[in-house]
Amino acid sequence: MLRDAFFTVYTKFKLHFYQEIFSRFQDREASLTTVETFCMEAIQALGSPTVNEFATFMRISPPNAAYKVNSLIRKGYIRKVQSPDDRREYHLEITEKYIRYYNISSAYMVEVMERISRRFTPAECSRLEEMLTIVSQELMPEVEIPEIAAPEQ
């Protein structure tokens, strides 16, 4: 069934990420907690949010968001950058350290996408892209994220 196939693919992406993280766990200083990983993924998906934008998106209080952000800053995964438009405002930006951490997951997605491109015809790949775009844009209205480029490899 479609539901089972989709769930299996989603689960395999998650489990691959967990395997890679645990295999590198001993070598990592200041590893991210599970909640911090969720926070980082949200910050990355939002682009360069303010602490309040992050709090609103995650549906947590601004003080709780500030606490999580400060922990991530101490660990070196994000930094606050002053807005050139409004000097009172600071945006959260991911650091190279997080990009290296994230690439553990994204590299596998890229690998799977390359396998898809080799396995299926260009027309089939185009149809899959069309279907995924519809799922993202039309069938998942609860989660709005800005259109951003895929992270660098």
N, C-alpha and C. Protein backbone atom coordinates (compact mmCIF):
# COMPACT_ATOMS: atom_id res chain seq x y z
N MET A 1 0.83 -1.18 0.00
CA MET A 1 0.00 0.00 0.00
C MET A 1 0.88 1.26 0.00
N LEU A 2 0.34 2.32 -0.54
CA LEU A 2 1.07 3.57 -0.62
C LEU A 2 1.48 4.08 0.75
N ARG A 3 0.58 4.03 1.71
CA ARG A 3 0.89 4.51 3.06
C ARG A 3 2.08 3.77 3.65
N ASP A 4 2.08 2.47 3.53
CA ASP A 4 3.17 1.67 4.08
C ASP A 4 4.49 1.95 3.36
N ALA A 5 4.43 2.11 2.05
CA ALA A 5 5.65 2.39 1.28
C ALA A 5 6.24 3.75 1.67
N PHE A 6 5.38 4.75 1.81
CA PHE A 6 5.85 6.08 2.20
C PHE A 6 6.44 6.05 3.60
N PHE A 7 5.76 5.39 4.53
CA PHE A 7 6.24 5.29 5.90
C PHE A 7 7.59 4.58 5.95
N THR A 8 7.76 3.54 5.15
CA THR A 8 9.02 2.80 5.12
C THR A 8 10.16 3.68 4.62
N VAL A 9 9.94 4.44 3.56
CA VAL A 9 10.97 5.33 3.03
C VAL A 9 11.33 6.38 4.08
N TYR A 10 10.33 7.02 4.68
CA TYR A 10 10.56 8.03 5.71
C TYR A 10 11.36 7.45 6.88
N THR A 11 10.98 6.26 7.31
CA THR A 11 11.66 5.59 8.42
C THR A 11 13.11 5.26 8.06
N LYS A 12 13.34 4.81 6.84
CA LYS A 12 14.71 4.48 6.43
C LYS A 12 15.61 5.71 6.42
N PHE A 13 15.08 6.86 5.99
CA PHE A 13 15.87 8.09 6.03
C PHE A 13 16.23 8.43 7.48
N LYS A 14 15.26 8.34 8.37
CA LYS A 14 15.53 8.65 9.78
C LYS A 14 16.55 7.68 10.36
N LEU A 15 16.34 6.39 10.14
CA LEU A 15 17.23 5.39 10.73
C LEU A 15 18.65 5.50 10.19
N HIS A 16 18.80 5.81 8.91
CA HIS A 16 20.14 6.00 8.36
C HIS A 16 20.83 7.15 9.07
N PHE A 17 20.11 8.25 9.28
CA PHE A 17 20.66 9.40 9.99
C PHE A 17 21.10 8.99 11.39
N TYR A 18 20.26 8.26 12.11
CA TYR A 18 20.60 7.84 13.47
C TYR A 18 21.83 6.94 13.46
N GLN A 19 21.92 6.00 12.51
CA GLN A 19 23.08 5.12 12.41
C GLN A 19 24.37 5.94 12.23
N GLU A 20 24.31 6.91 11.34
CA GLU A 20 25.49 7.73 11.07
C GLU A 20 25.88 8.57 12.28
N ILE A 21 24.91 9.13 12.95
CA ILE A 21 25.19 9.95 14.14
C ILE A 21 25.82 9.08 15.23
N PHE A 22 25.24 7.91 15.49
CA PHE A 22 25.77 7.06 16.55
C PHE A 22 27.15 6.51 16.20
N SER A 23 27.39 6.25 14.92
CA SER A 23 28.71 5.73 14.56
C SER A 23 29.79 6.80 14.74
N ARG A 24 29.40 8.08 14.74
CA ARG A 24 30.36 9.17 14.93
C ARG A 24 30.30 9.74 16.35
N PHE A 25 29.44 9.20 17.17
CA PHE A 25 29.14 9.78 18.49
C PHE A 25 30.38 9.96 19.36
N GLN A 26 31.27 8.99 19.38
CA GLN A 26 32.44 9.07 20.25
C GLN A 26 33.36 10.22 19.88
N ASP A 27 33.38 10.59 18.60
CA ASP A 27 34.30 11.63 18.13
C ASP A 27 33.71 13.03 18.24
N ARG A 28 32.47 13.17 18.65
CA ARG A 28 31.80 14.47 18.63
C ARG A 28 31.86 15.13 19.99
N GLU A 29 32.35 16.37 20.00
CA GLU A 29 32.26 17.16 21.21
C GLU A 29 30.95 17.94 21.13
N ALA A 30 30.34 18.18 22.27
CA ALA A 30 29.10 18.97 22.35
C ALA A 30 28.05 18.49 21.35
N SER A 31 27.76 17.19 21.36
CA SER A 31 26.75 16.64 20.46
C SER A 31 25.40 17.29 20.72
N LEU A 32 24.59 17.31 19.69
CA LEU A 32 23.25 17.86 19.82
C LEU A 32 22.33 16.85 20.50
N THR A 33 21.48 17.36 21.38
CA THR A 33 20.43 16.51 21.94
C THR A 33 19.35 16.33 20.87
N THR A 34 18.42 15.45 21.14
CA THR A 34 17.32 15.24 20.20
C THR A 34 16.54 16.52 19.99
N VAL A 35 16.18 17.19 21.07
CA VAL A 35 15.41 18.44 20.96
C VAL A 35 16.23 19.50 20.22
N GLU A 36 17.52 19.59 20.48
CA GLU A 36 18.36 20.56 19.78
C GLU A 36 18.42 20.24 18.28
N THR A 37 18.44 18.97 17.94
CA THR A 37 18.42 18.58 16.53
C THR A 37 17.14 19.07 15.87
N PHE A 38 16.01 18.89 16.55
CA PHE A 38 14.74 19.38 16.01
C PHE A 38 14.79 20.90 15.83
N CYS A 39 15.33 21.60 16.83
CA CYS A 39 15.45 23.06 16.75
C CYS A 39 16.31 23.47 15.57
N MET A 40 17.43 22.81 15.38
CA MET A 40 18.33 23.15 14.29
C MET A 40 17.67 22.91 12.93
N GLU A 41 16.94 21.83 12.81
CA GLU A 41 16.27 21.56 11.54
C GLU A 41 15.24 22.64 11.24
N ALA A 42 14.53 23.10 12.27
CA ALA A 42 13.54 24.17 12.08
C ALA A 42 14.24 25.47 11.70
N ILE A 43 15.31 25.82 12.39
CA ILE A 43 16.03 27.06 12.09
C ILE A 43 16.55 27.02 10.66
N GLN A 44 17.10 25.90 10.25
CA GLN A 44 17.61 25.77 8.89
C GLN A 44 16.48 25.91 7.88
N ALA A 45 15.36 25.25 8.13
CA ALA A 45 14.23 25.30 7.20
C ALA A 45 13.63 26.70 7.10
N LEU A 46 13.66 27.44 8.20
CA LEU A 46 13.09 28.79 8.21
C LEU A 46 14.00 29.82 7.55
N GLY A 47 15.20 29.43 7.23
CA GLY A 47 16.12 30.36 6.58
C GLY A 47 17.01 31.04 7.59
N SER A 48 16.61 32.19 8.01
CA SER A 48 17.39 32.97 8.97
C SER A 48 16.41 33.69 9.90
N PRO A 49 15.69 32.91 10.72
CA PRO A 49 14.63 33.52 11.52
C PRO A 49 15.17 34.32 12.70
N THR A 50 14.33 35.17 13.25
CA THR A 50 14.64 35.80 14.53
C THR A 50 14.27 34.79 15.61
N VAL A 51 14.66 35.06 16.84
CA VAL A 51 14.28 34.16 17.94
C VAL A 51 12.76 34.10 18.05
N ASN A 52 12.09 35.24 17.90
CA ASN A 52 10.63 35.25 18.00
C ASN A 52 9.97 34.47 16.87
N GLU A 53 10.50 34.59 15.65
CA GLU A 53 9.95 33.81 14.53
C GLU A 53 10.14 32.32 14.78
N PHE A 54 11.29 31.95 15.30
CA PHE A 54 11.56 30.55 15.65
C PHE A 54 10.58 30.09 16.72
N ALA A 55 10.39 30.90 17.77
CA ALA A 55 9.47 30.55 18.86
C ALA A 55 8.06 30.36 18.33
N THR A 56 7.61 31.29 17.49
CA THR A 56 6.26 31.22 16.93
C THR A 56 6.09 29.94 16.11
N PHE A 57 7.08 29.65 15.25
CA PHE A 57 7.00 28.46 14.41
C PHE A 57 6.94 27.19 15.25
N MET A 58 7.79 27.12 16.28
CA MET A 58 7.85 25.92 17.11
C MET A 58 6.74 25.84 18.15
N ARG A 59 5.97 26.94 18.26
CA ARG A 59 4.87 27.02 19.23
C ARG A 59 5.37 26.87 20.67
N ILE A 60 6.47 27.60 20.94
CA ILE A 60 7.02 27.64 22.30
C ILE A 60 7.15 29.11 22.71
N SER A 61 7.32 29.34 24.00
CA SER A 61 7.43 30.71 24.49
C SER A 61 8.76 31.33 24.05
N PRO A 62 8.80 32.65 23.87
CA PRO A 62 10.07 33.30 23.53
C PRO A 62 11.18 33.02 24.55
N PRO A 63 10.92 33.01 25.86
CA PRO A 63 12.01 32.68 26.79
C PRO A 63 12.53 31.25 26.60
N ASN A 64 11.63 30.31 26.34
CA ASN A 64 12.04 28.92 26.09
C ASN A 64 12.88 28.86 24.82
N ALA A 65 12.46 29.58 23.78
CA ALA A 65 13.21 29.61 22.52
C ALA A 65 14.58 30.23 22.75
N ALA A 66 14.64 31.31 23.52
CA ALA A 66 15.92 31.97 23.79
C ALA A 66 16.87 31.02 24.52
N TYR A 67 16.35 30.25 25.46
CA TYR A 67 17.16 29.29 26.20
C TYR A 67 17.76 28.25 25.23
N LYS A 68 16.93 27.73 24.34
CA LYS A 68 17.40 26.72 23.38
C LYS A 68 18.42 27.34 22.42
N VAL A 69 18.14 28.55 21.95
CA VAL A 69 19.05 29.24 21.03
C VAL A 69 20.40 29.48 21.70
N ASN A 70 20.39 29.94 22.95
CA ASN A 70 21.65 30.20 23.64
C ASN A 70 22.48 28.93 23.81
N SER A 71 21.83 27.81 24.05
CA SER A 71 22.54 26.54 24.15
C SER A 71 23.19 26.19 22.81
N LEU A 72 22.46 26.40 21.72
CA LEU A 72 22.99 26.10 20.39
C LEU A 72 24.14 27.04 20.01
N ILE A 73 24.05 28.28 20.47
CA ILE A 73 25.14 29.23 20.23
C ILE A 73 26.39 28.78 20.99
N ARG A 74 26.22 28.39 22.26
CA ARG A 74 27.36 27.93 23.07
C ARG A 74 28.04 26.72 22.43
N LYS A 75 27.26 25.85 21.82
CA LYS A 75 27.81 24.65 21.19
C LYS A 75 28.39 24.94 19.81
N GLY A 76 28.14 26.13 19.29
CA GLY A 76 28.73 26.53 18.01
C GLY A 76 27.94 26.13 16.78
N TYR A 77 26.66 25.79 16.93
CA TYR A 77 25.86 25.36 15.78
C TYR A 77 25.12 26.51 15.11
N ILE A 78 24.87 27.60 15.84
CA ILE A 78 24.26 28.79 15.25
C ILE A 78 24.94 30.03 15.81
N ARG A 79 24.68 31.14 15.15
CA ARG A 79 25.14 32.44 15.63
C ARG A 79 24.02 33.44 15.39
N LYS A 80 24.06 34.52 16.17
CA LYS A 80 23.11 35.61 15.97
C LYS A 80 23.80 36.66 15.11
N VAL A 81 23.09 37.13 14.09
CA VAL A 81 23.63 38.14 13.19
C VAL A 81 22.68 39.33 13.19
N GLN A 82 23.25 40.51 13.43
CA GLN A 82 22.43 41.72 13.49
C GLN A 82 21.86 42.04 12.12
N SER A 83 20.57 42.40 12.11
CA SER A 83 19.89 42.75 10.87
C SER A 83 20.42 44.07 10.33
N PRO A 84 20.73 44.12 9.04
CA PRO A 84 21.18 45.40 8.47
C PRO A 84 20.04 46.41 8.36
N ASP A 85 18.80 45.92 8.32
CA ASP A 85 17.64 46.80 8.19
C ASP A 85 17.19 47.38 9.53
N ASP A 86 17.16 46.52 10.55
CA ASP A 86 16.72 46.95 11.89
C ASP A 86 17.79 46.52 12.87
N ARG A 87 18.62 47.44 13.30
CA ARG A 87 19.77 47.13 14.15
C ARG A 87 19.37 46.50 15.49
N ARG A 88 18.10 46.59 15.87
CA ARG A 88 17.63 45.99 17.12
C ARG A 88 17.34 44.50 16.95
N GLU A 89 17.27 44.05 15.72
CA GLU A 89 16.85 42.69 15.43
C GLU A 89 18.05 41.81 15.08
N TYR A 90 18.01 40.58 15.57
CA TYR A 90 19.07 39.61 15.27
C TYR A 90 18.45 38.38 14.62
N HIS A 91 19.13 37.86 13.60
CA HIS A 91 18.68 36.65 12.92
C HIS A 91 19.59 35.49 13.29
N LEU A 92 19.02 34.30 13.30
CA LEU A 92 19.78 33.09 13.62
C LEU A 92 20.31 32.50 12.32
N GLU A 93 21.58 32.22 12.32
CA GLU A 93 22.21 31.60 11.15
C GLU A 93 22.94 30.35 11.57
N ILE A 94 22.82 29.31 10.75
CA ILE A 94 23.53 28.07 11.04
C ILE A 94 25.00 28.26 10.71
N THR A 95 25.84 27.52 11.40
CA THR A 95 27.29 27.61 11.18
C THR A 95 27.79 26.43 10.35
N GLU A 96 29.03 26.53 9.94
CA GLU A 96 29.66 25.45 9.21
C GLU A 96 29.65 24.15 10.02
N LYS A 97 29.77 24.27 11.32
CA LYS A 97 29.74 23.09 12.19
C LYS A 97 28.43 22.34 12.02
N TYR A 98 27.31 23.07 11.96
CA TYR A 98 26.02 22.39 11.77
C TYR A 98 25.90 21.85 10.36
N ILE A 99 26.42 22.58 9.39
CA ILE A 99 26.33 22.09 8.00
C ILE A 99 27.03 20.75 7.89
N ARG A 100 28.19 20.60 8.54
CA ARG A 100 28.89 19.30 8.53
C ARG A 100 28.02 18.22 9.19
N TYR A 101 27.38 18.57 10.31
CA TYR A 101 26.50 17.64 11.02
C TYR A 101 25.31 17.28 10.14
N TYR A 102 24.70 18.28 9.52
CA TYR A 102 23.52 18.06 8.68
C TYR A 102 23.86 17.22 7.46
N ASN A 103 25.04 17.40 6.91
CA ASN A 103 25.42 16.68 5.69
C ASN A 103 25.45 15.17 5.90
N ILE A 104 25.54 14.74 7.17
CA ILE A 104 25.45 13.30 7.44
C ILE A 104 24.12 12.78 6.91
N SER A 105 23.07 13.55 7.11
CA SER A 105 21.73 13.18 6.65
C SER A 105 21.52 13.53 5.18
N SER A 106 21.87 14.74 4.79
CA SER A 106 21.58 15.19 3.43
C SER A 106 22.40 14.43 2.39
N ALA A 107 23.60 14.00 2.74
CA ALA A 107 24.42 13.24 1.79
C ALA A 107 23.71 11.94 1.39
N TYR A 108 23.04 11.32 2.33
CA TYR A 108 22.31 10.09 2.02
C TYR A 108 21.11 10.40 1.12
N MET A 109 20.43 11.51 1.39
CA MET A 109 19.31 11.90 0.52
C MET A 109 19.79 12.12 -0.90
N VAL A 110 20.93 12.80 -1.05
CA VAL A 110 21.50 13.03 -2.37
C VAL A 110 21.83 11.70 -3.04
N GLU A 111 22.42 10.79 -2.28
CA GLU A 111 22.76 9.47 -2.82
C GLU A 111 21.51 8.73 -3.30
N VAL A 112 20.46 8.76 -2.51
CA VAL A 112 19.21 8.10 -2.91
C VAL A 112 18.62 8.77 -4.15
N MET A 113 18.69 10.10 -4.20
CA MET A 113 18.17 10.81 -5.38
C MET A 113 18.96 10.43 -6.64
N GLU A 114 20.25 10.26 -6.51
CA GLU A 114 21.06 9.83 -7.66
C GLU A 114 20.66 8.43 -8.10
N ARG A 115 20.39 7.56 -7.13
CA ARG A 115 19.93 6.20 -7.46
C ARG A 115 18.57 6.25 -8.16
N ILE A 116 17.70 7.14 -7.70
CA ILE A 116 16.38 7.30 -8.34
C ILE A 116 16.58 7.72 -9.79
N SER A 117 17.47 8.68 -10.02
CA SER A 117 17.73 9.19 -11.38
C SER A 117 18.27 8.10 -12.30
N ARG A 118 19.06 7.20 -11.75
CA ARG A 118 19.60 6.10 -12.56
C ARG A 118 18.56 5.00 -12.78
N ARG A 119 17.70 4.78 -11.80
CA ARG A 119 16.74 3.66 -11.85
C ARG A 119 15.51 3.96 -12.71
N PHE A 120 15.07 5.24 -12.68
CA PHE A 120 13.84 5.61 -13.37
C PHE A 120 14.12 6.50 -14.57
N THR A 121 13.18 6.52 -15.49
CA THR A 121 13.32 7.37 -16.68
C THR A 121 13.18 8.84 -16.29
N PRO A 122 13.67 9.74 -17.15
CA PRO A 122 13.47 11.16 -16.87
C PRO A 122 12.00 11.53 -16.70
N ALA A 123 11.13 10.91 -17.46
CA ALA A 123 9.69 11.19 -17.34
C ALA A 123 9.16 10.74 -15.97
N GLU A 124 9.61 9.56 -15.51
CA GLU A 124 9.18 9.08 -14.20
C GLU A 124 9.72 9.98 -13.08
N CYS A 125 10.96 10.41 -13.22
CA CYS A 125 11.54 11.32 -12.22
C CYS A 125 10.79 12.65 -12.20
N SER A 126 10.43 13.13 -13.37
CA SER A 126 9.67 14.37 -13.46
C SER A 126 8.31 14.22 -12.79
N ARG A 127 7.67 13.09 -13.00
CA ARG A 127 6.36 12.83 -12.37
C ARG A 127 6.51 12.74 -10.85
N LEU A 128 7.57 12.08 -10.37
CA LEU A 128 7.81 12.00 -8.93
C LEU A 128 8.02 13.39 -8.36
N GLU A 129 8.81 14.21 -9.04
CA GLU A 129 9.04 15.58 -8.59
C GLU A 129 7.73 16.36 -8.54
N GLU A 130 6.91 16.21 -9.56
CA GLU A 130 5.60 16.88 -9.60
C GLU A 130 4.73 16.45 -8.42
N MET A 131 4.70 15.16 -8.16
CA MET A 131 3.88 14.64 -7.06
C MET A 131 4.40 15.13 -5.70
N LEU A 132 5.71 15.12 -5.51
CA LEU A 132 6.27 15.59 -4.24
C LEU A 132 6.02 17.08 -4.04
N THR A 133 6.08 17.84 -5.11
CA THR A 133 5.79 19.28 -5.03
C THR A 133 4.35 19.51 -4.63
N ILE A 134 3.42 18.75 -5.20
CA ILE A 134 2.00 18.86 -4.83
C ILE A 134 1.81 18.48 -3.37
N VAL A 135 2.45 17.40 -2.93
CA VAL A 135 2.34 16.99 -1.52
C VAL A 135 2.83 18.12 -0.62
N SER A 136 3.98 18.69 -0.95
CA SER A 136 4.56 19.75 -0.12
C SER A 136 3.73 21.02 -0.14
N GLN A 137 3.33 21.46 -1.31
CA GLN A 137 2.66 22.76 -1.43
C GLN A 137 1.17 22.72 -1.14
N GLU A 138 0.50 21.63 -1.46
CA GLU A 138 -0.95 21.59 -1.33
C GLU A 138 -1.46 20.71 -0.18
N LEU A 139 -0.78 19.62 0.07
CA LEU A 139 -1.30 18.64 1.01
C LEU A 139 -0.71 18.73 2.41
N MET A 140 0.21 19.68 2.60
CA MET A 140 0.83 19.87 3.92
C MET A 140 0.73 21.35 4.32
N PRO A 141 -0.49 21.91 4.35
CA PRO A 141 -0.63 23.34 4.63
C PRO A 141 -0.28 23.71 6.07
N GLU A 142 -0.20 22.74 6.97
CA GLU A 142 0.10 23.03 8.37
C GLU A 142 1.54 23.49 8.58
N VAL A 143 2.40 23.18 7.63
CA VAL A 143 3.83 23.50 7.80
C VAL A 143 4.25 24.40 6.65
N GLU A 144 4.39 25.68 6.95
CA GLU A 144 4.84 26.63 5.94
C GLU A 144 6.30 26.97 6.21
N ILE A 145 7.13 26.75 5.21
CA ILE A 145 8.53 27.15 5.32
C ILE A 145 8.87 27.99 4.10
N PRO A 146 9.80 28.91 4.25
CA PRO A 146 10.19 29.72 3.09
C PRO A 146 10.86 28.86 2.04
N GLU A 147 10.76 29.28 0.81
CA GLU A 147 11.44 28.57 -0.28
C GLU A 147 12.92 28.87 -0.15
N ILE A 148 13.71 27.86 0.18
CA ILE A 148 15.15 28.03 0.31
C ILE A 148 15.86 26.97 -0.49
N ALA A 149 17.08 27.25 -0.84
CA ALA A 149 17.88 26.30 -1.60
C ALA A 149 18.30 25.16 -0.69
N ALA A 150 18.54 24.02 -1.30
CA ALA A 150 19.04 22.87 -0.54
C ALA A 150 20.41 23.23 0.02
N PRO A 151 20.75 22.68 1.20
CA PRO A 151 22.04 22.99 1.79
C PRO A 151 23.19 22.52 0.91
N GLU A 152 24.32 23.18 1.07
CA GLU A 152 25.51 22.81 0.29
C GLU A 152 26.04 21.46 0.74
N GLN A 153 26.66 20.78 -0.21
CA GLN A 153 27.29 19.49 0.08
C GLN A 153 28.76 19.66 0.25
